[in-house]
């Protein structure tokens, strides 16, 4: 299939000037915290193109009915669903390797699994600061002025899981920008 950029909310994108690179992908999925977050303010760093928004049912309930611009699809990840056999397989593997955190992985890792299942062969993940570097002690979302509670996820386990996902599906997964 084609390539996709998954654009997270980590501050590593500030000043990185990767907007054109992000927009150069066949598809771009973003991770809004509210309906207005589907387009980032600084296009030089974040890009402008948006093919899909990755949301959870809980987040979707907080958004107005006409939240997304015409043509923007939704990629829905329900952390509480027990019916998706593929996601259960990956959740079980995550639970086997995690050492802390919740019994589920982040929307970012879920999106990587979903787009791998859809047949994308090249996945570039931008602004996933904790998955890129599990030792990152000061991850801050663009939409919060405080550090994210790192007990919500085991990012070291998620980082390890990326290798398993890439091997299983035969996809290339990169977390960008590269760690300095």
Protein backbone atom coordinates (compact mmCIF):
# COMPACT_ATOMS: atom_id res chain seq x y z
CA UNK A 1 0.00 0.00 0.00
CA UNK A 2 1.22 3.53 0.70
CA UNK A 3 2.93 5.43 3.48
CA UNK A 4 1.40 7.26 6.41
CA UNK A 5 2.50 9.84 8.94
CA UNK A 6 1.09 9.48 12.45
CA UNK A 7 1.45 12.89 14.09
CA UNK A 8 1.44 12.91 17.88
CA UNK A 9 1.46 15.83 20.27
CA UNK A 10 5.00 15.73 21.65
CA UNK A 11 6.98 18.94 21.87
CA UNK A 12 9.90 17.44 19.92
CA UNK A 13 8.25 18.81 16.77
CA UNK A 14 8.55 22.44 17.92
CA UNK A 15 11.16 24.08 15.73
CA UNK A 16 11.92 20.85 13.85
CA UNK A 17 10.59 22.19 10.54
CA UNK A 18 9.09 18.84 9.51
CA UNK A 19 5.75 20.16 8.26
CA UNK A 20 6.49 19.67 4.55
CA UNK A 21 7.90 16.20 5.19
CA UNK A 22 4.76 15.26 7.14
CA UNK A 23 2.46 16.65 4.44
CA UNK A 24 4.44 14.73 1.79
CA UNK A 25 3.02 11.41 3.03
CA UNK A 26 0.17 9.75 1.16
CA UNK A 27 -1.91 9.90 4.36
CA UNK A 28 -1.60 11.82 7.64
CA UNK A 29 -3.36 10.82 10.86
CA UNK A 30 -3.41 13.16 13.86
CA UNK A 31 -4.21 12.65 17.54
CA UNK A 32 -6.53 15.45 18.68
CA UNK A 33 -7.34 16.12 22.32
CA UNK A 34 -10.32 18.26 21.24
CA UNK A 35 -12.07 18.80 17.93
CA UNK A 36 -10.03 21.93 17.20
CA UNK A 37 -6.74 20.07 17.41
CA UNK A 38 -6.98 18.35 14.01
CA UNK A 39 -4.93 21.14 12.46
CA UNK A 40 -1.83 22.31 14.32
CA UNK A 41 -1.04 25.99 14.49
CA UNK A 42 2.57 25.99 13.27
CA UNK A 43 2.44 24.34 9.86
CA UNK A 44 6.21 24.62 9.35
CA UNK A 45 6.66 22.11 12.20
CA UNK A 46 3.41 20.12 12.19
CA UNK A 47 2.19 20.27 8.61
CA UNK A 48 -1.39 20.88 7.60
CA UNK A 49 -2.60 17.76 5.78
CA UNK A 50 -5.05 15.60 7.76
CA UNK A 51 -6.52 12.37 6.39
CA UNK A 52 -7.75 10.95 9.70
CA UNK A 53 -8.09 11.75 13.37
CA UNK A 54 -7.28 8.98 15.87
CA UNK A 55 -9.78 9.07 18.74
CA UNK A 56 -11.26 6.96 21.51
CA UNK A 57 -15.02 6.68 22.16
CA UNK A 58 -14.60 8.73 25.35
CA UNK A 59 -12.86 11.53 23.46
CA UNK A 60 -15.38 11.39 20.63
CA UNK A 61 -18.24 11.95 23.12
CA UNK A 62 -16.68 15.25 24.20
CA UNK A 63 -16.57 16.61 20.64
CA UNK A 64 -19.42 18.41 18.88
CA UNK A 65 -21.20 16.53 16.08
CA UNK A 66 -19.58 18.47 13.21
CA UNK A 67 -16.10 18.46 14.76
CA UNK A 68 -13.92 17.49 11.82
CA UNK A 69 -13.45 19.15 8.45
CA UNK A 70 -15.10 17.45 5.47
CA UNK A 71 -13.01 14.53 4.22
CA UNK A 72 -11.24 13.81 7.53
CA UNK A 73 -11.83 10.21 8.56
CA UNK A 74 -11.91 8.82 12.07
CA UNK A 75 -9.70 6.00 13.31
CA UNK A 76 -11.43 4.73 16.45
CA UNK A 77 -9.60 2.80 19.17
CA UNK A 78 -11.74 1.51 22.02
CA UNK A 79 -9.44 0.56 24.90
CA UNK A 80 -12.27 -1.25 26.66
CA UNK A 81 -13.40 -3.43 23.74
CA UNK A 82 -12.88 -7.15 24.17
CA UNK A 83 -14.26 -8.08 20.74
CA UNK A 84 -11.30 -7.20 18.49
CA UNK A 85 -9.19 -10.36 18.26
CA UNK A 86 -6.23 -8.61 16.61
CA UNK A 87 -6.05 -5.87 19.24
CA UNK A 88 -6.44 -8.49 22.00
CA UNK A 89 -3.43 -10.36 20.62
CA UNK A 90 -1.28 -7.21 20.83
CA UNK A 91 -2.68 -6.21 24.23
CA UNK A 92 -1.76 -9.66 25.57
CA UNK A 93 1.78 -9.29 24.25
CA UNK A 94 2.01 -5.79 25.74
CA UNK A 95 0.82 -7.08 29.12
CA UNK A 96 3.49 -9.81 29.03
CA UNK A 97 6.34 -7.34 28.51
CA UNK A 98 5.13 -4.33 30.49
CA UNK A 99 6.61 -3.63 33.91
CA UNK A 100 4.34 -0.75 34.94
CA UNK A 101 1.37 1.26 33.79
CA UNK A 102 -2.13 0.48 32.65
CA UNK A 103 -3.33 -2.72 31.05
CA UNK A 104 -3.57 -1.01 27.65
CA UNK A 105 -1.20 0.84 25.38
CA UNK A 106 -1.54 4.35 24.00
CA UNK A 107 -3.63 5.52 21.04
CA UNK A 108 -0.35 5.92 19.15
CA UNK A 109 0.58 2.27 19.45
CA UNK A 110 -3.00 1.26 18.64
CA UNK A 111 -2.88 3.40 15.49
CA UNK A 112 0.38 1.73 14.43
CA UNK A 113 -1.32 -1.65 14.70
CA UNK A 114 -4.44 -0.45 12.85
CA UNK A 115 -2.52 1.03 9.91
CA UNK A 116 -0.31 -2.07 9.73
CA UNK A 117 -3.49 -4.17 9.53
CA UNK A 118 -4.73 -1.88 6.76
CA UNK A 119 -1.65 -2.67 4.69
CA UNK A 120 0.50 0.43 5.04
CA UNK A 121 4.14 -0.56 4.58
CA UNK A 122 5.89 2.60 5.80
CA UNK A 123 4.79 4.28 9.01
CA UNK A 124 6.51 7.44 10.19
CA UNK A 125 5.55 8.53 13.69
CA UNK A 126 6.17 12.18 14.55
CA UNK A 127 5.95 13.65 18.03
CA UNK A 128 5.71 10.34 19.90
CA UNK A 129 8.40 11.45 22.32
CA UNK A 130 7.95 8.78 25.00
CA UNK A 131 7.62 5.85 22.59
CA UNK A 132 10.72 7.07 20.73
CA UNK A 133 12.64 7.46 24.00
CA UNK A 134 11.16 5.64 26.98
CA UNK A 135 13.67 7.39 29.27
CA UNK A 136 12.25 10.79 28.34
CA UNK A 137 11.38 12.15 31.79
CA UNK A 138 9.77 15.39 30.69
CA UNK A 139 7.33 14.56 27.91
CA UNK A 140 4.85 17.36 27.49
CA UNK A 141 1.93 17.38 25.15
CA UNK A 142 1.37 20.45 23.02
CA UNK A 143 -2.03 20.71 24.70
CA UNK A 144 -0.87 20.62 28.32
CA UNK A 145 1.53 22.77 30.25
CA UNK A 146 2.40 19.99 32.67
CA UNK A 147 4.31 16.76 32.29
CA UNK A 148 2.18 13.76 31.38
CA UNK A 149 1.65 11.23 34.15
CA UNK A 150 3.99 8.45 33.07
CA UNK A 151 2.13 5.80 35.04
CA UNK A 152 -0.60 5.69 32.38
CA UNK A 153 1.51 3.65 29.96
CA UNK A 154 4.70 1.60 29.96
CA UNK A 155 6.48 3.37 27.12
CA UNK A 156 9.49 1.05 27.27
CA UNK A 157 7.11 -1.85 26.61
CA UNK A 158 5.42 0.12 23.81
CA UNK A 159 8.82 0.83 22.23
CA UNK A 160 9.66 -2.88 22.35
CA UNK A 161 6.23 -3.73 20.94
CA UNK A 162 6.96 -1.55 17.87
CA UNK A 163 9.68 -3.98 16.84
CA UNK A 164 7.27 -6.88 17.20
CA UNK A 165 4.63 -5.06 15.14
CA UNK A 166 7.16 -4.21 12.41
CA UNK A 167 8.38 -7.81 12.24
CA UNK A 168 4.91 -9.34 12.27
CA UNK A 169 3.49 -7.14 9.50
CA UNK A 170 6.72 -6.59 7.56
CA UNK A 171 6.39 -2.81 7.89
CA UNK A 172 8.93 -0.08 8.44
CA UNK A 173 8.19 2.03 11.53
CA UNK A 174 10.25 5.11 12.37
CA UNK A 175 9.82 7.53 15.25
CA UNK A 176 10.78 11.08 14.26
CA UNK A 177 12.40 13.47 14.71
CA UNK A 178 15.51 11.42 15.37
CA UNK A 179 16.75 11.67 18.94
CA UNK A 180 19.57 14.19 19.21
